[in-house]
Amino acid sequence: MAMIKQAVYGVAALGALASFVFGQDVWSYARTWGNSVRQTVKREVPVEFEVTRARELVENIVPDIRNVMHVIAEQEVDTEQFTSELVRKRAELTSQKDAIHARTADLKSGQTSFVYVSQTYSAEQVRNDLAKRFERFKMAEETLKREQQVLDARQKALTANREKLDNLLAAKTDLELQLEQLEARLKSVQAAETVSTVSIDDSELTRAKKLIRELNKQIDVREKVMASDGKLTDLIPVEAKHTAPKDLESQIEAYFTPKAQTSDAKAEMKIVNLETLKP
């Protein structure tokens, strides 16, 4: 009990403080704060949950659709029965009309008595019967008109309920289609988010690229060093002076000429020399 009192006192004190700080605008601030909290909470609700809730709302239309279908079925049965009843009454009314015309024609004939179904009636009796028949006919005709109006109203209500049912079914189908499109878009976004949030450890790839760059650098350095060594051991340095033998070409030709050709060349040279020695 004491805790309840403390809570009440605390709320009252908080209200008094708020009234003191904000003055007459305290309720405006309270409503704004409430709307802000409501919107914040709503933004935190997952979209998947909202889609499920929307599908449940669409499914909640089904009981209304079934109720309308049940009402339409009852109205159709009632309308059919009422229409059949009016058709029967209209036929009876036509029969009464024919009987009235027949009795009227009999009275116009001037006879004083009439025989109907083996029974004799005076003209006065027939006239009284005709008056009763005519009053009943007029009452039945008026009743039939009112019942026809009732039938027309029922048919209008039935038509309106059928249109309502068609609209409910069309709305349900349209909402279901929109939900399917919404779920397809949501799945597409979720798939894109999954791809974009995949964590790939590229540290090994980075180290491999770095190692390959270092190896290429080392090979480039060794190639440069070898090229520099070749320049240092050149056989024809620019600053050195070397005199080649005058018969260098003959030496090279003799070196690369086969021995058989060399023997033939020597023989020819001997013949030439002998010929030169002859007187």
Protein backbone atom coordinates (compact mmCIF):
# COMPACT_ATOMS: atom_id res chain seq x y z
CA MET A 1 0.00 0.00 0.00
CA ALA A 2 2.85 2.35 0.85
CA MET A 3 4.51 1.65 -2.49
CA ILE A 4 1.28 2.53 -4.33
CA LYS A 5 1.07 5.81 -2.46
CA GLN A 6 4.69 6.59 -3.28
CA ALA A 7 4.03 5.85 -6.95
CA VAL A 8 0.98 8.11 -6.96
CA TYR A 9 2.94 10.88 -5.24
CA GLY A 10 5.77 10.43 -7.74
CA VAL A 11 3.45 10.70 -10.74
CA ALA A 12 1.78 13.74 -9.24
CA ALA A 13 5.12 15.37 -8.56
CA LEU A 14 6.30 14.61 -12.10
CA GLY A 15 3.09 16.10 -13.51
CA ALA A 16 3.48 19.20 -11.38
CA LEU A 17 7.11 19.58 -12.49
CA ALA A 18 6.16 19.17 -16.13
CA SER A 19 3.37 21.74 -15.77
CA PHE A 20 5.79 24.15 -14.12
CA VAL A 21 8.43 23.71 -16.84
CA PHE A 22 6.22 23.60 -19.93
CA GLY A 23 3.19 25.49 -18.68
CA GLN A 24 0.07 25.16 -20.83
CA ASP A 25 2.03 23.33 -23.54
CA VAL A 26 2.61 20.32 -21.32
CA TRP A 27 -0.09 18.23 -23.06
CA SER A 28 1.26 19.20 -26.47
CA TYR A 29 4.73 18.07 -25.42
CA ALA A 30 3.28 14.86 -24.00
CA ARG A 31 1.45 14.05 -27.24
CA THR A 32 4.52 14.85 -29.31
CA TRP A 33 6.70 12.69 -27.10
CA GLY A 34 4.16 9.85 -27.31
CA ASN A 35 4.03 10.06 -31.11
CA SER A 36 7.83 10.13 -31.28
CA VAL A 37 8.09 7.03 -29.09
CA ARG A 38 5.43 5.27 -31.15
CA GLN A 39 7.20 6.05 -34.43
CA THR A 40 10.56 4.98 -33.01
CA VAL A 41 9.16 1.65 -31.84
CA LYS A 42 7.44 1.14 -35.18
CA ARG A 43 10.70 1.77 -37.07
CA GLU A 44 12.41 -0.89 -34.96
CA VAL A 45 9.87 -3.55 -36.02
CA PRO A 46 11.43 -5.82 -38.71
CA VAL A 47 9.96 -5.57 -42.20
CA GLU A 48 9.49 -9.36 -42.26
CA PHE A 49 7.22 -9.11 -39.22
CA GLU A 50 5.19 -6.34 -40.84
CA VAL A 51 4.77 -8.42 -44.01
CA THR A 52 3.50 -11.35 -41.94
CA ARG A 53 1.12 -9.01 -40.12
CA ALA A 54 -0.17 -7.67 -43.45
CA ARG A 55 -0.81 -11.23 -44.68
CA GLU A 56 -2.76 -11.97 -41.49
CA LEU A 57 -4.84 -8.82 -42.06
CA VAL A 58 -5.64 -10.02 -45.56
CA GLU A 59 -6.61 -13.44 -44.22
CA ASN A 60 -8.93 -11.72 -41.73
CA ILE A 61 -11.05 -10.66 -44.71
CA VAL A 62 -12.01 -14.30 -45.31
CA PRO A 63 -14.63 -14.43 -42.48
CA ASP A 64 -16.29 -11.32 -43.90
CA ILE A 65 -16.32 -12.89 -47.35
CA ARG A 66 -17.88 -16.07 -46.00
CA ASN A 67 -20.48 -14.06 -44.09
CA VAL A 68 -21.45 -12.16 -47.23
CA MET A 69 -21.61 -15.41 -49.19
CA HIS A 70 -23.92 -16.90 -46.54
CA VAL A 71 -26.19 -13.83 -46.61
CA ILE A 72 -26.28 -13.96 -50.42
CA ALA A 73 -27.21 -17.64 -50.38
CA GLU A 74 -30.09 -16.99 -47.94
CA GLN A 75 -31.29 -14.03 -49.98
CA GLU A 76 -31.20 -16.07 -53.17
CA VAL A 77 -33.32 -18.83 -51.62
CA ASP A 78 -35.78 -16.32 -50.12
CA THR A 79 -36.03 -14.43 -53.40
CA GLU A 80 -36.69 -17.60 -55.37
CA GLN A 81 -39.38 -18.72 -52.94
CA PHE A 82 -40.95 -15.28 -52.81
CA THR A 83 -40.93 -15.05 -56.61
CA SER A 84 -42.67 -18.43 -56.87
CA GLU A 85 -45.27 -17.30 -54.35
CA LEU A 86 -45.95 -14.13 -56.31
CA VAL A 87 -46.30 -16.10 -59.53
CA ARG A 88 -48.91 -18.32 -57.83
CA LYS A 89 -50.79 -15.34 -56.40
CA ARG A 90 -50.72 -13.58 -59.75
CA ALA A 91 -52.25 -16.66 -61.38
CA GLU A 92 -54.99 -16.78 -58.70
CA LEU A 93 -55.66 -13.10 -59.22
CA THR A 94 -56.05 -13.68 -62.95
CA SER A 95 -58.52 -16.49 -62.22
CA GLN A 96 -60.52 -14.22 -59.89
CA LYS A 97 -60.54 -11.52 -62.54
CA ASP A 98 -61.94 -13.96 -65.11
CA ALA A 99 -64.67 -15.05 -62.64
CA ILE A 100 -65.62 -11.43 -61.96
CA HIS A 101 -65.89 -10.74 -65.69
CA ALA A 102 -68.06 -13.88 -66.09
CA ARG A 103 -70.43 -12.92 -63.24
CA THR A 104 -70.66 -9.38 -64.58
CA ALA A 105 -71.60 -10.68 -68.03
CA ASP A 106 -74.25 -12.95 -66.49
CA LEU A 107 -75.85 -10.05 -64.63
CA LYS A 108 -75.80 -7.91 -67.76
CA SER A 109 -77.84 -10.62 -69.54
CA GLY A 110 -80.94 -9.61 -67.52
CA GLN A 111 -81.72 -13.09 -66.23
CA THR A 112 -83.35 -13.38 -62.81
CA SER A 113 -81.69 -16.66 -61.84
CA PHE A 114 -78.48 -18.49 -62.63
CA VAL A 115 -77.27 -22.05 -62.24
CA TYR A 116 -73.68 -22.67 -61.11
CA VAL A 117 -72.46 -26.23 -60.39
CA SER A 118 -76.02 -27.60 -60.33
CA GLN A 119 -77.08 -24.90 -57.87
CA THR A 120 -79.58 -22.15 -58.70
CA TYR A 121 -78.91 -18.59 -57.54
CA SER A 122 -81.01 -15.48 -57.90
CA ALA A 123 -79.70 -12.37 -59.57
CA GLU A 124 -79.47 -10.64 -56.19
CA GLN A 125 -77.36 -13.47 -54.76
CA VAL A 126 -75.07 -13.36 -57.77
CA ARG A 127 -74.75 -9.57 -57.43
CA ASN A 128 -73.83 -9.85 -53.73
CA ASP A 129 -71.31 -12.60 -54.52
CA LEU A 130 -69.87 -10.44 -57.29
CA ALA A 131 -69.46 -7.50 -54.88
CA LYS A 132 -67.57 -9.67 -52.41
CA ARG A 133 -65.40 -11.10 -55.17
CA PHE A 134 -64.57 -7.62 -56.46
CA GLU A 135 -63.55 -6.35 -52.99
CA ARG A 136 -61.36 -9.41 -52.41
CA PHE A 137 -59.84 -8.95 -55.86
CA LYS A 138 -58.94 -5.32 -55.16
CA MET A 139 -57.39 -6.24 -51.80
CA ALA A 140 -55.43 -9.13 -53.35
CA GLU A 141 -54.28 -6.88 -56.19
CA GLU A 142 -53.05 -4.23 -53.72
CA THR A 143 -51.30 -6.88 -51.63
CA LEU A 144 -49.66 -8.26 -54.75
CA LYS A 145 -48.35 -4.79 -55.64
CA ARG A 146 -46.82 -4.34 -52.18
CA GLU A 147 -45.29 -7.80 -52.29
CA GLN A 148 -43.85 -7.02 -55.72
CA GLN A 149 -42.23 -3.93 -54.20
CA VAL A 150 -40.80 -6.11 -51.43
CA LEU A 151 -39.45 -8.50 -54.06
CA ASP A 152 -37.85 -5.62 -55.97
CA ALA A 153 -36.18 -4.37 -52.77
CA ARG A 154 -34.87 -7.87 -51.99
CA GLN A 155 -33.48 -8.21 -55.48
CA LYS A 156 -31.74 -4.84 -55.16
CA ALA A 157 -30.24 -5.90 -51.82
CA LEU A 158 -29.15 -9.19 -53.36
CA THR A 159 -27.51 -7.35 -56.26
CA ALA A 160 -25.74 -5.00 -53.84
CA ASN A 161 -24.44 -7.91 -51.74
CA ARG A 162 -23.21 -9.67 -54.87
CA GLU A 163 -21.32 -6.53 -55.87
CA LYS A 164 -19.92 -6.29 -52.34
CA LEU A 165 -18.77 -9.91 -52.55
CA ASP A 166 -17.13 -9.29 -55.93
CA ASN A 167 -15.36 -6.23 -54.53
CA LEU A 168 -14.14 -8.16 -51.48
CA LEU A 169 -12.84 -11.01 -53.62
CA ALA A 170 -11.15 -8.58 -56.02
CA ALA A 171 -9.60 -6.64 -53.11
CA LYS A 172 -8.35 -9.86 -51.50
CA THR A 173 -6.82 -11.03 -54.78
CA ASP A 174 -5.19 -7.63 -55.36
CA LEU A 175 -3.78 -7.52 -51.82
CA GLU A 176 -2.42 -11.05 -52.14
CA LEU A 177 -0.72 -10.09 -55.40
CA GLN A 178 0.78 -7.01 -53.78
CA LEU A 179 2.02 -9.12 -50.87
CA GLU A 180 3.65 -11.60 -53.27
CA GLN A 181 5.40 -8.73 -55.06
CA LEU A 182 6.41 -7.25 -51.70
CA GLU A 183 7.84 -10.56 -50.49
CA ALA A 184 9.72 -11.00 -53.78
CA ARG A 185 11.25 -7.53 -53.40
CA LEU A 186 12.11 -8.25 -49.77
CA LYS A 187 13.84 -11.52 -50.70
CA SER A 188 15.80 -9.69 -53.41
CA VAL A 189 16.93 -7.05 -50.92
CA GLN A 190 17.84 -9.70 -48.37
CA ALA A 191 19.89 -11.57 -50.97
CA ALA A 192 21.70 -8.37 -51.92
CA GLU A 193 22.35 -7.59 -48.28
CA THR A 194 23.72 -11.09 -47.72
CA VAL A 195 26.13 -10.71 -50.64
CA SER A 196 27.22 -7.24 -49.56
CA THR A 197 27.84 -8.32 -45.97
CA VAL A 198 29.93 -11.42 -46.79
CA SER A 199 33.29 -11.08 -45.04
CA ILE A 200 36.25 -12.14 -47.22
CA ASP A 201 39.70 -12.55 -45.64
CA ASP A 202 42.03 -11.28 -48.37
CA SER A 203 45.12 -11.14 -46.16
CA GLU A 204 46.60 -14.29 -47.78
CA LEU A 205 45.96 -12.83 -51.22
CA THR A 206 47.63 -9.58 -50.21
CA ARG A 207 50.70 -11.39 -48.84
CA ALA A 208 50.96 -13.49 -52.01
CA LYS A 209 50.87 -10.39 -54.21
CA LYS A 210 53.51 -8.73 -52.03
CA LEU A 211 55.79 -11.78 -52.22
CA ILE A 212 55.45 -11.91 -56.01
CA ARG A 213 56.40 -8.24 -56.25
CA GLU A 214 59.44 -8.82 -54.05
CA LEU A 215 60.54 -11.85 -56.11
CA ASN A 216 60.19 -9.86 -59.32
CA LYS A 217 62.27 -7.12 -57.75
CA GLN A 218 64.99 -9.57 -56.71
CA ILE A 219 65.15 -11.09 -60.21
CA ASP A 220 65.27 -7.63 -61.76
CA VAL A 221 68.21 -6.75 -59.48
CA ARG A 222 70.09 -9.93 -60.39
CA GLU A 223 69.52 -9.26 -64.09
CA LYS A 224 70.85 -5.76 -63.66
CA VAL A 225 73.92 -7.10 -61.81
CA MET A 226 74.62 -9.67 -64.55
CA ALA A 227 74.32 -7.00 -67.17
CA SER A 228 76.82 -4.87 -65.27
CA ASP A 229 79.26 -7.82 -64.97
CA GLY A 230 79.08 -8.34 -68.75
CA LYS A 231 80.15 -4.79 -69.36
CA LEU A 232 83.15 -5.17 -67.03
CA THR A 233 84.42 -8.32 -68.85
CA ASP A 234 83.97 -7.04 -72.42
CA LEU A 235 86.66 -8.25 -74.87
CA ILE A 236 86.60 -5.00 -76.79
CA PRO A 237 86.69 -2.28 -74.19
CA VAL A 238 86.56 1.21 -75.54
CA GLU A 239 89.54 2.42 -73.56
CA ALA A 240 91.84 -0.56 -74.46
CA LYS A 241 94.05 -0.65 -77.60
CA HIS A 242 94.52 -3.98 -79.37
CA THR A 243 95.96 -4.66 -82.82
CA ALA A 244 94.41 -7.58 -84.65
CA PRO A 245 96.65 -9.77 -86.97
CA LYS A 246 96.59 -8.79 -90.61
CA ASP A 247 95.71 -12.31 -91.78
CA LEU A 248 92.83 -12.63 -89.29
CA GLU A 249 90.35 -13.32 -92.09
CA SER A 250 92.56 -16.10 -93.51
CA GLN A 251 92.95 -17.64 -90.10
CA ILE A 252 89.21 -17.61 -89.53
CA GLU A 253 88.54 -19.09 -92.97
CA ALA A 254 91.15 -21.77 -92.45
CA TYR A 255 89.73 -22.57 -89.04
CA PHE A 256 86.20 -23.07 -90.32
CA THR A 257 87.17 -24.75 -93.66
CA PRO A 258 86.91 -28.63 -93.68
CA LYS A 259 90.18 -30.56 -94.01
CA ALA A 260 89.34 -32.10 -97.40
CA GLN A 261 88.80 -28.72 -98.91
CA THR A 262 92.06 -27.58 -97.33
CA SER A 263 94.03 -30.50 -98.93
CA ASP A 264 92.56 -29.76 -102.34
CA ALA A 265 93.40 -26.13 -101.96
CA LYS A 266 97.01 -26.98 -101.02
CA ALA A 267 97.35 -29.28 -104.07
CA GLU A 268 96.07 -26.61 -106.36
CA MET A 269 98.51 -24.18 -104.85
CA LYS A 270 101.41 -26.63 -105.52
CA ILE A 271 100.34 -27.06 -109.16
CA VAL A 272 100.17 -23.36 -109.59
CA ASN A 273 103.63 -22.99 -108.09
CA LEU A 274 105.09 -25.70 -110.37
CA GLU A 275 103.65 -24.07 -113.42
CA THR A 276 105.20 -20.83 -112.44
CA LEU A 277 108.57 -22.57 -112.10
CA LYS A 278 108.56 -24.04 -115.68
CA PRO A 279 110.86 -22.20 -118.25
